[in-house]
Amino acid sequence: MPVTDIKVIGIAHDVRIPDRAEVRLQVSKWGRDWESTHRSVTGTVGGVTDAIKRLEEAQPQALHDYSISQISQRSWSDDIGAAYSETIDITMVFTDFQAMSDWVFTQSTETVRIRGIDWRLSAAARKELNISLSVEAIRDAQRKAETFAVAAGLTIVGIQTLAEPETVGASLPRPRGLAAATGRSESGDSGIDITPAPIETTVRIDAHFLAEPETPTAASFQPTRRTPRFMA
């Protein structure tokens, strides 16, 4: 009996509010004297670090983690003379968005700038979501294959291949200040948007189903029974 290969793509989609906000701060200063510029930057970083510790003590669940990195030091000369600059990046991952908004804007100064916010899902949330969407994508593929099979007078008899689910994550478009493809709120002329950007996740899966022509049921082969008639 001939077997037909039906290739379909199953798709599942989800939109939800993120549960993580990665805030990118930058401490930067330039000046004519290297020592004073360096002392100003390191002193500011020390103040921010102390504020982070106070936040952790007051609201332990508000901050997931933080890091201080990317120290950049530059020097150059212009018409006036020598100039120096120093930059340090601070990254903070918040789980409480209200605490985040209250904290970051009290830290924003001429030396400390909020560079942007990356909206994300936690690792546990991503894992759970990918599993549920993968199952739904397989079901979607099966529904499509069965629809094609019925239209062609075929019956699904099995699965030939099932590719690994492909997960695509992005943010929904938002107003000015947000790069939609990355789920990132960038600082701009009008400030920074602290409204969580919804996370859009799509899972697709390629599947090959096997189908055969429908087999007539045994009932369709039953001969027609006639009741004998007797003449008197």
C-alpha atoms as a PDB file:
ATOM      1  CA  MET A   1       0.000   0.000   0.000  1.00  0.00           C
ATOM      2  CA  PRO A   2       1.531   3.365  -0.992  1.00  0.00           C
ATOM      3  CA  VAL A   3       2.616   5.674   1.838  1.00  0.00           C
ATOM      4  CA  THR A   4       2.438   9.468   1.538  1.00  0.00           C
ATOM      5  CA  ASP A   5       4.805  11.832   3.370  1.00  0.00           C
ATOM      6  CA  ILE A   6       2.970  14.898   4.699  1.00  0.00           C
ATOM      7  CA  LYS A   7       5.318  17.709   5.779  1.00  0.00           C
ATOM      8  CA  VAL A   8       3.892  20.367   8.090  1.00  0.00           C
ATOM      9  CA  ILE A   9       5.143  23.108  10.404  1.00  0.00           C
ATOM     10  CA  GLY A  10       3.601  23.327  13.863  1.00  0.00           C
ATOM     11  CA  ILE A  11       3.590  26.722  15.576  1.00  0.00           C
ATOM     12  CA  ALA A  12       2.770  27.803  19.136  1.00  0.00           C
ATOM     13  CA  HIS A  13       2.823  31.366  20.430  1.00  0.00           C
ATOM     14  CA  ASP A  14       2.847  33.076  23.828  1.00  0.00           C
ATOM     15  CA  VAL A  15       2.910  36.667  25.106  1.00  0.00           C
ATOM     16  CA  ARG A  16       3.569  37.497  28.742  1.00  0.00           C
ATOM     17  CA  ILE A  17       4.995  40.146  31.061  1.00  0.00           C
ATOM     18  CA  PRO A  18       8.716  39.636  31.897  1.00  0.00           C
ATOM     19  CA  ASP A  19       9.788  38.710  35.407  1.00  0.00           C
ATOM     20  CA  ARG A  20      13.326  40.109  35.148  1.00  0.00           C
ATOM     21  CA  ALA A  21      14.667  43.585  34.369  1.00  0.00           C
ATOM     22  CA  GLU A  22      18.374  43.978  33.652  1.00  0.00           C
ATOM     23  CA  VAL A  23      19.248  47.612  34.325  1.00  0.00           C
ATOM     24  CA  ARG A  24      22.453  48.958  32.780  1.00  0.00           C
ATOM     25  CA  LEU A  25      24.040  51.867  34.646  1.00  0.00           C
ATOM     26  CA  GLN A  26      27.167  53.723  33.586  1.00  0.00           C
ATOM     27  CA  VAL A  27      29.417  55.775  35.852  1.00  0.00           C
ATOM     28  CA  SER A  28      31.456  58.099  33.677  1.00  0.00           C
ATOM     29  CA  LYS A  29      33.396  61.318  34.119  1.00  0.00           C
ATOM     30  CA  TRP A  30      36.065  63.293  32.323  1.00  0.00           C
ATOM     31  CA  GLY A  31      38.323  66.086  33.474  1.00  0.00           C
ATOM     32  CA  ARG A  32      41.675  67.819  33.093  1.00  0.00           C
ATOM     33  CA  ASP A  33      43.291  66.197  36.096  1.00  0.00           C
ATOM     34  CA  TRP A  34      43.658  62.412  36.090  1.00  0.00           C
ATOM     35  CA  GLU A  35      43.774  61.911  39.850  1.00  0.00           C
ATOM     36  CA  SER A  36      40.664  63.950  40.585  1.00  0.00           C
ATOM     37  CA  THR A  37      38.752  62.293  37.706  1.00  0.00           C
ATOM     38  CA  HIS A  38      39.662  58.825  39.001  1.00  0.00           C
ATOM     39  CA  ARG A  39      38.745  59.699  42.607  1.00  0.00           C
ATOM     40  CA  SER A  40      35.379  61.054  41.474  1.00  0.00           C
ATOM     41  CA  VAL A  41      34.496  57.898  39.525  1.00  0.00           C
ATOM     42  CA  THR A  42      35.652  55.428  42.180  1.00  0.00           C
ATOM     43  CA  GLY A  43      33.904  57.435  44.889  1.00  0.00           C
ATOM     44  CA  THR A  44      30.672  57.421  42.905  1.00  0.00           C
ATOM     45  CA  VAL A  45      30.912  53.657  42.307  1.00  0.00           C
ATOM     46  CA  GLY A  46      31.444  53.171  46.027  1.00  0.00           C
ATOM     47  CA  GLY A  47      28.304  55.186  46.736  1.00  0.00           C
ATOM     48  CA  VAL A  48      26.262  53.144  44.271  1.00  0.00           C
ATOM     49  CA  THR A  49      27.596  49.906  45.769  1.00  0.00           C
ATOM     50  CA  ASP A  50      26.574  51.048  49.246  1.00  0.00           C
ATOM     51  CA  ALA A  51      23.104  51.902  47.925  1.00  0.00           C
ATOM     52  CA  ILE A  52      22.844  48.415  46.402  1.00  0.00           C
ATOM     53  CA  LYS A  53      23.713  46.830  49.750  1.00  0.00           C
ATOM     54  CA  ARG A  54      21.092  48.942  51.514  1.00  0.00           C
ATOM     55  CA  LEU A  55      18.527  47.842  48.938  1.00  0.00           C
ATOM     56  CA  GLU A  56      19.415  44.174  49.493  1.00  0.00           C
ATOM     57  CA  GLU A  57      19.011  44.615  53.252  1.00  0.00           C
ATOM     58  CA  ALA A  58      15.693  46.462  52.996  1.00  0.00           C
ATOM     59  CA  GLN A  59      14.171  44.406  50.142  1.00  0.00           C
ATOM     60  CA  PRO A  60      16.009  41.073  49.767  1.00  0.00           C
ATOM     61  CA  GLN A  61      13.650  39.836  47.034  1.00  0.00           C
ATOM     62  CA  ALA A  62      13.895  42.925  44.853  1.00  0.00           C
ATOM     63  CA  LEU A  63      17.358  42.315  43.387  1.00  0.00           C
ATOM     64  CA  HIS A  64      18.447  39.029  41.811  1.00  0.00           C
ATOM     65  CA  ASP A  65      22.113  39.942  41.304  1.00  0.00           C
ATOM     66  CA  TYR A  66      24.472  42.664  40.135  1.00  0.00           C
ATOM     67  CA  SER A  67      27.937  43.073  38.624  1.00  0.00           C
ATOM     68  CA  ILE A  68      30.506  45.838  38.144  1.00  0.00           C
ATOM     69  CA  SER A  69      32.677  45.615  35.051  1.00  0.00           C
ATOM     70  CA  GLN A  70      34.039  47.188  31.871  1.00  0.00           C
ATOM     71  CA  ILE A  71      36.477  49.751  33.231  1.00  0.00           C
ATOM     72  CA  SER A  72      37.495  52.113  30.452  1.00  0.00           C
ATOM     73  CA  GLN A  73      40.200  54.735  30.842  1.00  0.00           C
ATOM     74  CA  ARG A  74      41.129  57.221  28.108  1.00  0.00           C
ATOM     75  CA  SER A  75      43.367  60.204  27.662  1.00  0.00           C
ATOM     76  CA  TRP A  76      43.681  62.711  24.834  1.00  0.00           C
ATOM     77  CA  SER A  77      44.832  66.202  24.047  1.00  0.00           C
ATOM     78  CA  ASP A  78      42.930  69.168  22.639  1.00  0.00           C
ATOM     79  CA  ASP A  79      43.552  72.870  22.181  1.00  0.00           C
ATOM     80  CA  ILE A  80      43.379  73.466  25.926  1.00  0.00           C
ATOM     81  CA  GLY A  81      45.599  70.602  27.016  1.00  0.00           C
ATOM     82  CA  ALA A  82      45.380  67.062  28.351  1.00  0.00           C
ATOM     83  CA  ALA A  83      42.009  65.440  29.132  1.00  0.00           C
ATOM     84  CA  TYR A  84      41.106  62.200  30.868  1.00  0.00           C
ATOM     85  CA  SER A  85      38.012  60.021  31.219  1.00  0.00           C
ATOM     86  CA  GLU A  86      37.028  56.908  33.128  1.00  0.00           C
ATOM     87  CA  THR A  87      33.937  54.725  32.714  1.00  0.00           C
ATOM     88  CA  ILE A  88      32.578  51.839  34.791  1.00  0.00           C
ATOM     89  CA  ASP A  89      29.494  49.797  33.918  1.00  0.00           C
ATOM     90  CA  ILE A  90      27.134  48.431  36.556  1.00  0.00           C
ATOM     91  CA  THR A  91      24.524  45.809  35.685  1.00  0.00           C
ATOM     92  CA  MET A  92      21.640  45.008  38.030  1.00  0.00           C
ATOM     93  CA  VAL A  93      18.953  42.353  37.585  1.00  0.00           C
ATOM     94  CA  PHE A  94      15.704  43.276  39.349  1.00  0.00           C
ATOM     95  CA  THR A  95      12.760  41.008  40.116  1.00  0.00           C
ATOM     96  CA  ASP A  96      10.640  43.788  41.655  1.00  0.00           C
ATOM     97  CA  PHE A  97       9.900  46.433  39.027  1.00  0.00           C
ATOM     98  CA  GLN A  98       8.439  48.939  41.488  1.00  0.00           C
ATOM     99  CA  ALA A  99      11.541  48.729  43.649  1.00  0.00           C
ATOM    100  CA  MET A 100      13.610  49.108  40.494  1.00  0.00           C
ATOM    101  CA  SER A 101      11.896  52.324  39.424  1.00  0.00           C
ATOM    102  CA  ASP A 102      12.145  53.770  42.939  1.00  0.00           C
ATOM    103  CA  TRP A 103      15.845  52.911  43.228  1.00  0.00           C
ATOM    104  CA  VAL A 104      17.395  53.657  39.840  1.00  0.00           C
ATOM    105  CA  PHE A 105      16.085  57.176  39.497  1.00  0.00           C
ATOM    106  CA  THR A 106      17.377  58.174  42.927  1.00  0.00           C
ATOM    107  CA  GLN A 107      20.835  57.102  41.723  1.00  0.00           C
ATOM    108  CA  SER A 108      20.717  58.964  38.422  1.00  0.00           C
ATOM    109  CA  THR A 109      23.109  61.948  38.460  1.00  0.00           C
ATOM    110  CA  GLU A 110      25.421  63.769  36.095  1.00  0.00           C
ATOM    111  CA  THR A 111      27.993  61.020  36.702  1.00  0.00           C
ATOM    112  CA  VAL A 112      25.610  58.029  36.911  1.00  0.00           C
ATOM    113  CA  ARG A 113      23.437  57.419  33.849  1.00  0.00           C
ATOM    114  CA  ILE A 114      20.801  54.787  33.168  1.00  0.00           C
ATOM    115  CA  ARG A 115      21.861  53.368  29.818  1.00  0.00           C
ATOM    116  CA  GLY A 116      18.901  51.072  29.319  1.00  0.00           C
ATOM    117  CA  ILE A 117      16.789  48.146  30.514  1.00  0.00           C
ATOM    118  CA  ASP A 118      16.643  44.623  29.088  1.00  0.00           C
ATOM    119  CA  TRP A 119      13.317  42.913  29.832  1.00  0.00           C
ATOM    120  CA  ARG A 120      13.621  39.147  30.256  1.00  0.00           C
ATOM    121  CA  LEU A 121      12.140  35.929  31.576  1.00  0.00           C
ATOM    122  CA  SER A 122      13.919  33.934  34.253  1.00  0.00           C
ATOM    123  CA  ALA A 123      15.594  30.649  33.300  1.00  0.00           C
ATOM    124  CA  ALA A 124      12.894  28.654  35.101  1.00  0.00           C
ATOM    125  CA  ALA A 125      10.097  30.548  33.338  1.00  0.00           C
ATOM    126  CA  ARG A 126      11.767  30.088  29.928  1.00  0.00           C
ATOM    127  CA  LYS A 127      12.203  26.351  30.488  1.00  0.00           C
ATOM    128  CA  GLU A 128       8.574  25.839  31.526  1.00  0.00           C
ATOM    129  CA  LEU A 129       7.334  27.989  28.653  1.00  0.00           C
ATOM    130  CA  ASN A 130       9.450  26.208  26.021  1.00  0.00           C
ATOM    131  CA  ILE A 131       8.186  22.811  27.148  1.00  0.00           C
ATOM    132  CA  SER A 132       4.516  23.826  27.017  1.00  0.00           C
ATOM    133  CA  LEU A 133       4.915  25.586  23.666  1.00  0.00           C
ATOM    134  CA  SER A 134       6.775  22.613  22.176  1.00  0.00           C
ATOM    135  CA  VAL A 135       3.900  20.308  23.114  1.00  0.00           C
ATOM    136  CA  GLU A 136       1.380  22.734  21.602  1.00  0.00           C
ATOM    137  CA  ALA A 137       3.483  23.067  18.423  1.00  0.00           C
ATOM    138  CA  ILE A 138       3.468  19.277  17.981  1.00  0.00           C
ATOM    139  CA  ARG A 139      -0.301  19.217  18.436  1.00  0.00           C
ATOM    140  CA  ASP A 140      -0.648  22.019  15.892  1.00  0.00           C
ATOM    141  CA  ALA A 141       1.475  20.044  13.414  1.00  0.00           C
ATOM    142  CA  GLN A 142      -0.672  16.954  13.929  1.00  0.00           C
ATOM    143  CA  ARG A 143      -3.903  18.915  13.416  1.00  0.00           C
ATOM    144  CA  LYS A 144      -2.563  20.333  10.144  1.00  0.00           C
ATOM    145  CA  ALA A 145      -1.382  16.910   8.927  1.00  0.00           C
ATOM    146  CA  GLU A 146      -4.759  15.341   9.714  1.00  0.00           C
ATOM    147  CA  THR A 147      -6.548  18.134   7.830  1.00  0.00           C
ATOM    148  CA  PHE A 148      -4.401  17.570   4.728  1.00  0.00           C
ATOM    149  CA  ALA A 149      -4.824  13.808   4.997  1.00  0.00           C
ATOM    150  CA  VAL A 150      -8.616  13.972   5.182  1.00  0.00           C
ATOM    151  CA  ALA A 151      -8.724  16.308   2.191  1.00  0.00           C
ATOM    152  CA  ALA A 152      -6.669  13.800   0.173  1.00  0.00           C
ATOM    153  CA  GLY A 153      -8.616  10.759   1.325  1.00  0.00           C
ATOM    154  CA  LEU A 154      -5.747   9.517   3.476  1.00  0.00           C
ATOM    155  CA  THR A 155      -5.306   8.403   7.077  1.00  0.00           C
ATOM    156  CA  ILE A 156      -2.350   9.329   9.305  1.00  0.00           C
ATOM    157  CA  VAL A 157      -0.544   6.148  10.318  1.00  0.00           C
ATOM    158  CA  GLY A 158       2.584   7.504  12.026  1.00  0.00           C
ATOM    159  CA  ILE A 159       5.339  10.084  12.320  1.00  0.00           C
ATOM    160  CA  GLN A 160       8.414   9.767  10.137  1.00  0.00           C
ATOM    161  CA  THR A 161      10.522  12.585  11.602  1.00  0.00           C
ATOM    162  CA  LEU A 162      10.059  15.269  14.232  1.00  0.00           C
ATOM    163  CA  ALA A 163      12.670  18.047  14.306  1.00  0.00           C
ATOM    164  CA  GLU A 164      13.882  19.704  17.478  1.00  0.00           C
ATOM    165  CA  PRO A 165      11.639  22.644  18.433  1.00  0.00           C
ATOM    166  CA  GLU A 166      12.991  26.037  17.384  1.00  0.00           C
ATOM    167  CA  THR A 167      12.322  28.805  19.887  1.00  0.00           C
ATOM    168  CA  VAL A 168      12.206  32.440  18.831  1.00  0.00           C
ATOM    169  CA  GLY A 169      11.883  35.188  21.450  1.00  0.00           C
ATOM    170  CA  ALA A 170      11.320  38.894  20.879  1.00  0.00           C
ATOM    171  CA  SER A 171       9.505  41.846  22.394  1.00  0.00           C
ATOM    172  CA  LEU A 172       6.351  43.368  21.064  1.00  0.00           C
ATOM    173  CA  PRO A 173       6.728  46.802  19.471  1.00  0.00           C
ATOM    174  CA  ARG A 174       6.541  49.616  21.995  1.00  0.00           C
ATOM    175  CA  PRO A 175       6.672  53.424  21.830  1.00  0.00           C
ATOM    176  CA  ARG A 176       9.801  55.483  21.302  1.00  0.00           C
ATOM    177  CA  GLY A 177      12.754  54.466  23.404  1.00  0.00           C
ATOM    178  CA  LEU A 178      12.453  50.692  22.932  1.00  0.00           C
ATOM    179  CA  ALA A 179      14.282  48.490  20.473  1.00  0.00           C
ATOM    180  CA  ALA A 180      11.498  45.991  19.808  1.00  0.00           C
ATOM    181  CA  ALA A 181      13.672  43.198  18.446  1.00  0.00           C
ATOM    182  CA  THR A 182      15.768  42.933  21.605  1.00  0.00           C
ATOM    183  CA  GLY A 183      13.303  43.712  24.392  1.00  0.00           C
ATOM    184  CA  ARG A 184      15.400  46.683  25.389  1.00  0.00           C
ATOM    185  CA  SER A 185      14.409  50.096  26.706  1.00  0.00           C
ATOM    186  CA  GLU A 186      17.049  52.626  25.705  1.00  0.00           C
ATOM    187  CA  SER A 187      17.615  56.026  27.258  1.00  0.00           C
ATOM    188  CA  GLY A 188      16.857  58.938  24.962  1.00  0.00           C
ATOM    189  CA  ASP A 189      16.020  62.616  24.863  1.00  0.00           C
ATOM    190  CA  SER A 190      12.697  61.992  26.617  1.00  0.00           C
ATOM    191  CA  GLY A 191      14.170  59.717  29.302  1.00  0.00           C
ATOM    192  CA  ILE A 192      13.763  55.988  29.616  1.00  0.00           C
ATOM    193  CA  ASP A 193      10.580  53.933  29.448  1.00  0.00           C
ATOM    194  CA  ILE A 194      10.297  51.778  32.600  1.00  0.00           C
ATOM    195  CA  THR A 195       7.095  50.053  31.487  1.00  0.00           C
ATOM    196  CA  PRO A 196       7.818  46.300  31.137  1.00  0.00           C
ATOM    197  CA  ALA A 197       7.891  45.287  27.479  1.00  0.00           C
ATOM    198  CA  PRO A 198       5.800  42.128  26.883  1.00  0.00           C
ATOM    199  CA  ILE A 199       7.885  39.114  25.869  1.00  0.00           C
ATOM    200  CA  GLU A 200       6.666  37.347  22.743  1.00  0.00           C
ATOM    201  CA  THR A 201       7.837  33.744  22.311  1.00  0.00           C
ATOM    202  CA  THR A 202       7.185  31.539  19.298  1.00  0.00           C
ATOM    203  CA  VAL A 203       8.070  27.862  18.967  1.00  0.00           C
ATOM    204  CA  ARG A 204       8.009  26.120  15.581  1.00  0.00           C
ATOM    205  CA  ILE A 205       8.620  22.495  14.745  1.00  0.00           C
ATOM    206  CA  ASP A 206       9.036  20.683  11.398  1.00  0.00           C
ATOM    207  CA  ALA A 207       7.282  17.328  11.226  1.00  0.00           C
ATOM    208  CA  HIS A 208       6.810  14.584   8.628  1.00  0.00           C
ATOM    209  CA  PHE A 209       3.725  12.424   9.035  1.00  0.00           C
ATOM    210  CA  LEU A 210       3.039   9.183   7.169  1.00  0.00           C
ATOM    211  CA  ALA A 211      -0.376   8.647   5.620  1.00  0.00           C
ATOM    212  CA  GLU A 212      -2.028   5.833   3.696  1.00  0.00           C
ATOM    213  CA  PRO A 213      -5.223   5.599   1.650  1.00  0.00           C
ATOM    214  CA  GLU A 214      -8.266   5.018   3.772  1.00  0.00           C
ATOM    215  CA  THR A 215      -9.126   1.316   4.082  1.00  0.00           C
ATOM    216  CA  PRO A 216     -12.806   0.534   3.526  1.00  0.00           C
ATOM    217  CA  THR A 217     -14.390  -0.892   6.628  1.00  0.00           C
ATOM    218  CA  ALA A 218     -15.581  -4.454   6.740  1.00  0.00           C
ATOM    219  CA  ALA A 219     -19.149  -3.248   6.962  1.00  0.00           C
ATOM    220  CA  SER A 220     -18.913  -1.768   3.487  1.00  0.00           C
ATOM    221  CA  PHE A 221     -18.274  -5.254   2.040  1.00  0.00           C
ATOM    222  CA  GLN A 222     -21.301  -6.931   3.634  1.00  0.00           C
ATOM    223  CA  PRO A 223     -23.654  -8.292   0.934  1.00  0.00           C
ATOM    224  CA  THR A 224     -27.170  -7.016   0.882  1.00  0.00           C
ATOM    225  CA  ARG A 225     -29.485  -9.438   2.570  1.00  0.00           C
ATOM    226  CA  ARG A 226     -32.866 -10.007   1.078  1.00  0.00           C
ATOM    227  CA  THR A 227     -35.789 -11.657   2.829  1.00  0.00           C
ATOM    228  CA  PRO A 228     -37.049 -14.669   0.796  1.00  0.00           C
ATOM    229  CA  ARG A 229     -40.556 -14.335  -0.489  1.00  0.00           C
ATOM    230  CA  PHE A 230     -42.757 -17.436  -0.739  1.00  0.00           C
ATOM    231  CA  MET A 231     -45.650 -17.647  -3.080  1.00  0.00           C
ATOM    232  CA  ALA A 232     -48.747 -19.251  -1.681  1.00  0.00           C
END
